[in-house]
C-alpha atoms as a PDB file:
ATOM      1  CA  MET A   1       0.000   0.000   0.000  1.00  0.00           C
ATOM      2  CA  ALA A   2       1.142   3.570   0.508  1.00  0.00           C
ATOM      3  CA  THR A   3       4.176   5.040   2.247  1.00  0.00           C
ATOM      4  CA  GLY A   4       2.326   7.721   4.237  1.00  0.00           C
ATOM      5  CA  ILE A   5      -1.172   8.171   5.628  1.00  0.00           C
ATOM      6  CA  VAL A   6      -3.142  11.415   5.311  1.00  0.00           C
ATOM      7  CA  VAL A   7      -6.483  11.741   7.107  1.00  0.00           C
ATOM      8  CA  HIS A   8      -8.953  14.106   5.441  1.00  0.00           C
ATOM      9  CA  PRO A   9     -10.223  16.772   7.882  1.00  0.00           C
ATOM     10  CA  ARG A  10     -13.828  15.747   7.109  1.00  0.00           C
ATOM     11  CA  VAL A  11     -13.238  12.428   8.909  1.00  0.00           C
ATOM     12  CA  LEU A  12     -12.300  14.195  12.129  1.00  0.00           C
ATOM     13  CA  SER A  13     -15.127  16.740  11.923  1.00  0.00           C
ATOM     14  CA  ARG A  14     -17.815  14.093  11.307  1.00  0.00           C
ATOM     15  CA  HIS A  15     -16.476  11.717  13.966  1.00  0.00           C
ATOM     16  CA  PRO A  16     -14.902  13.785  16.759  1.00  0.00           C
ATOM     17  CA  GLU A  17     -14.526  10.651  18.889  1.00  0.00           C
ATOM     18  CA  ILE A  18     -11.900   9.410  16.395  1.00  0.00           C
ATOM     19  CA  SER A  19      -8.483  11.064  16.207  1.00  0.00           C
ATOM     20  CA  GLU A  20      -5.969  11.076  13.376  1.00  0.00           C
ATOM     21  CA  GLU A  21      -3.784   8.776  15.481  1.00  0.00           C
ATOM     22  CA  ASP A  22      -6.717   6.349  15.860  1.00  0.00           C
ATOM     23  CA  VAL A  23      -7.134   6.165  12.072  1.00  0.00           C
ATOM     24  CA  VAL A  24      -3.414   5.593  11.518  1.00  0.00           C
ATOM     25  CA  ALA A  25      -3.374   2.886  14.210  1.00  0.00           C
ATOM     26  CA  ALA A  26      -6.421   1.172  12.668  1.00  0.00           C
ATOM     27  CA  LEU A  27      -4.666   0.986   9.303  1.00  0.00           C
ATOM     28  CA  LYS A  28      -1.425  -0.259  10.813  1.00  0.00           C
ATOM     29  CA  ASN A  29      -3.396  -2.883  12.784  1.00  0.00           C
ATOM     30  CA  ALA A  30      -5.653  -3.842   9.864  1.00  0.00           C
ATOM     31  CA  VAL A  31      -6.967  -7.394  10.000  1.00  0.00           C
ATOM     32  CA  ALA A  32      -8.621  -7.127   6.572  1.00  0.00           C
ATOM     33  CA  ILE A  33      -7.977  -4.977   3.502  1.00  0.00           C
ATOM     34  CA  VAL A  34      -9.853  -5.180   0.211  1.00  0.00           C
ATOM     35  CA  ASN A  35      -9.161  -3.321  -3.015  1.00  0.00           C
ATOM     36  CA  ARG A  36     -12.562  -2.040  -4.129  1.00  0.00           C
ATOM     37  CA  THR A  37     -11.395  -1.035  -7.609  1.00  0.00           C
ATOM     38  CA  TYR A  38      -9.095  -2.557 -10.154  1.00  0.00           C
ATOM     39  CA  ASP A  39      -8.483   0.591 -12.172  1.00  0.00           C
ATOM     40  CA  PRO A  40      -6.642   3.659 -10.927  1.00  0.00           C
ATOM     41  CA  PRO A  41      -7.159   5.181  -8.527  1.00  0.00           C
ATOM     42  CA  ASP A  42      -6.926   2.220  -6.163  1.00  0.00           C
ATOM     43  CA  ILE A  43      -9.627   2.543  -3.493  1.00  0.00           C
ATOM     44  CA  TYR A  44      -9.289   0.351  -0.423  1.00  0.00           C
ATOM     45  CA  ALA A  45     -11.594  -0.685   2.416  1.00  0.00           C
ATOM     46  CA  ALA A  46      -9.956  -1.862   5.636  1.00  0.00           C
ATOM     47  CA  ALA A  47     -10.774  -2.737   9.229  1.00  0.00           C
ATOM     48  CA  GLY A  48      -8.432  -2.616  12.185  1.00  0.00           C
ATOM     49  CA  ALA A  49      -8.133  -1.788  15.861  1.00  0.00           C
ATOM     50  CA  ASP A  50      -7.409   1.797  16.869  1.00  0.00           C
ATOM     51  CA  ARG A  51      -5.341   2.925  19.888  1.00  0.00           C
ATOM     52  CA  LYS A  52      -8.278   2.203  22.214  1.00  0.00           C
ATOM     53  CA  GLY A  53      -8.971  -1.262  20.812  1.00  0.00           C
ATOM     54  CA  ARG A  54     -12.084  -0.175  18.885  1.00  0.00           C
ATOM     55  CA  MET A  55     -12.525  -1.752  15.468  1.00  0.00           C
ATOM     56  CA  LEU A  56     -12.730   0.954  12.796  1.00  0.00           C
ATOM     57  CA  GLU A  57     -13.651   0.754   9.153  1.00  0.00           C
ATOM     58  CA  VAL A  58     -11.504   2.889   6.892  1.00  0.00           C
ATOM     59  CA  LEU A  59     -11.912   3.873   3.243  1.00  0.00           C
ATOM     60  CA  GLY A  60      -9.146   5.521   1.327  1.00  0.00           C
ATOM     61  CA  VAL A  61      -7.415   6.020  -1.969  1.00  0.00           C
ATOM     62  CA  GLU A  62      -3.812   5.602  -2.971  1.00  0.00           C
ATOM     63  CA  MET A  63      -2.586   8.918  -4.358  1.00  0.00           C
ATOM     64  CA  ASP A  64      -0.109   9.429  -7.192  1.00  0.00           C
ATOM     65  CA  ASP A  65       2.671  10.389  -4.756  1.00  0.00           C
ATOM     66  CA  GLY A  66       2.352   7.060  -2.902  1.00  0.00           C
ATOM     67  CA  ARG A  67       0.528   8.406   0.144  1.00  0.00           C
ATOM     68  CA  PHE A  68      -2.801   6.979   1.290  1.00  0.00           C
ATOM     69  CA  LEU A  69      -5.673   9.471   1.725  1.00  0.00           C
ATOM     70  CA  VAL A  70      -8.313   8.333   4.222  1.00  0.00           C
ATOM     71  CA  TYR A  71     -11.668   9.940   3.441  1.00  0.00           C
ATOM     72  CA  HIS A  72     -13.886   7.795   5.692  1.00  0.00           C
ATOM     73  CA  ALA A  73     -13.379   6.244   9.118  1.00  0.00           C
ATOM     74  CA  MET A  74     -15.864   5.187  11.766  1.00  0.00           C
ATOM     75  CA  LYS A  75     -16.803   2.302  14.063  1.00  0.00           C
ATOM     76  CA  LEU A  76     -16.886  -0.926  12.054  1.00  0.00           C
ATOM     77  CA  THR A  77     -20.395  -1.675  10.806  1.00  0.00           C
ATOM     78  CA  ALA A  78     -21.813  -5.153  10.217  1.00  0.00           C
ATOM     79  CA  LYS A  79     -22.124  -4.381   6.504  1.00  0.00           C
ATOM     80  CA  MET A  80     -18.449  -3.467   6.151  1.00  0.00           C
ATOM     81  CA  GLY A  81     -17.477  -6.445   8.282  1.00  0.00           C
ATOM     82  CA  ARG A  82     -19.261  -8.737   5.824  1.00  0.00           C
ATOM     83  CA  GLU A  83     -17.632  -7.003   2.845  1.00  0.00           C
ATOM     84  CA  LEU A  84     -14.235  -7.590   4.412  1.00  0.00           C
ATOM     85  CA  GLY A  85     -15.011 -11.232   5.255  1.00  0.00           C
ATOM     86  CA  LEU A  86     -15.073 -10.671   8.999  1.00  0.00           C
ATOM     87  CA  GLY A  87     -18.478 -12.220   9.538  1.00  0.00           C
END
């Protein structure tokens, strides 16, 4: 995946209970990652534990410079869990 992680400010404003560090931790601790597209840009869905142990779902896109832009993060939903094969 990407070399750096950028969290869009919209994520933090919509979900003030989630910090940038939580999003980064969730990606680093991802237990499932799925590429949602097979044409550029590569859009990924992932789920992982944040710094507090909460499972978060994360959506993001790999940018041309190699960084990963997260544009969605929140508590893992059942729907996303199924998409990621987590039951």
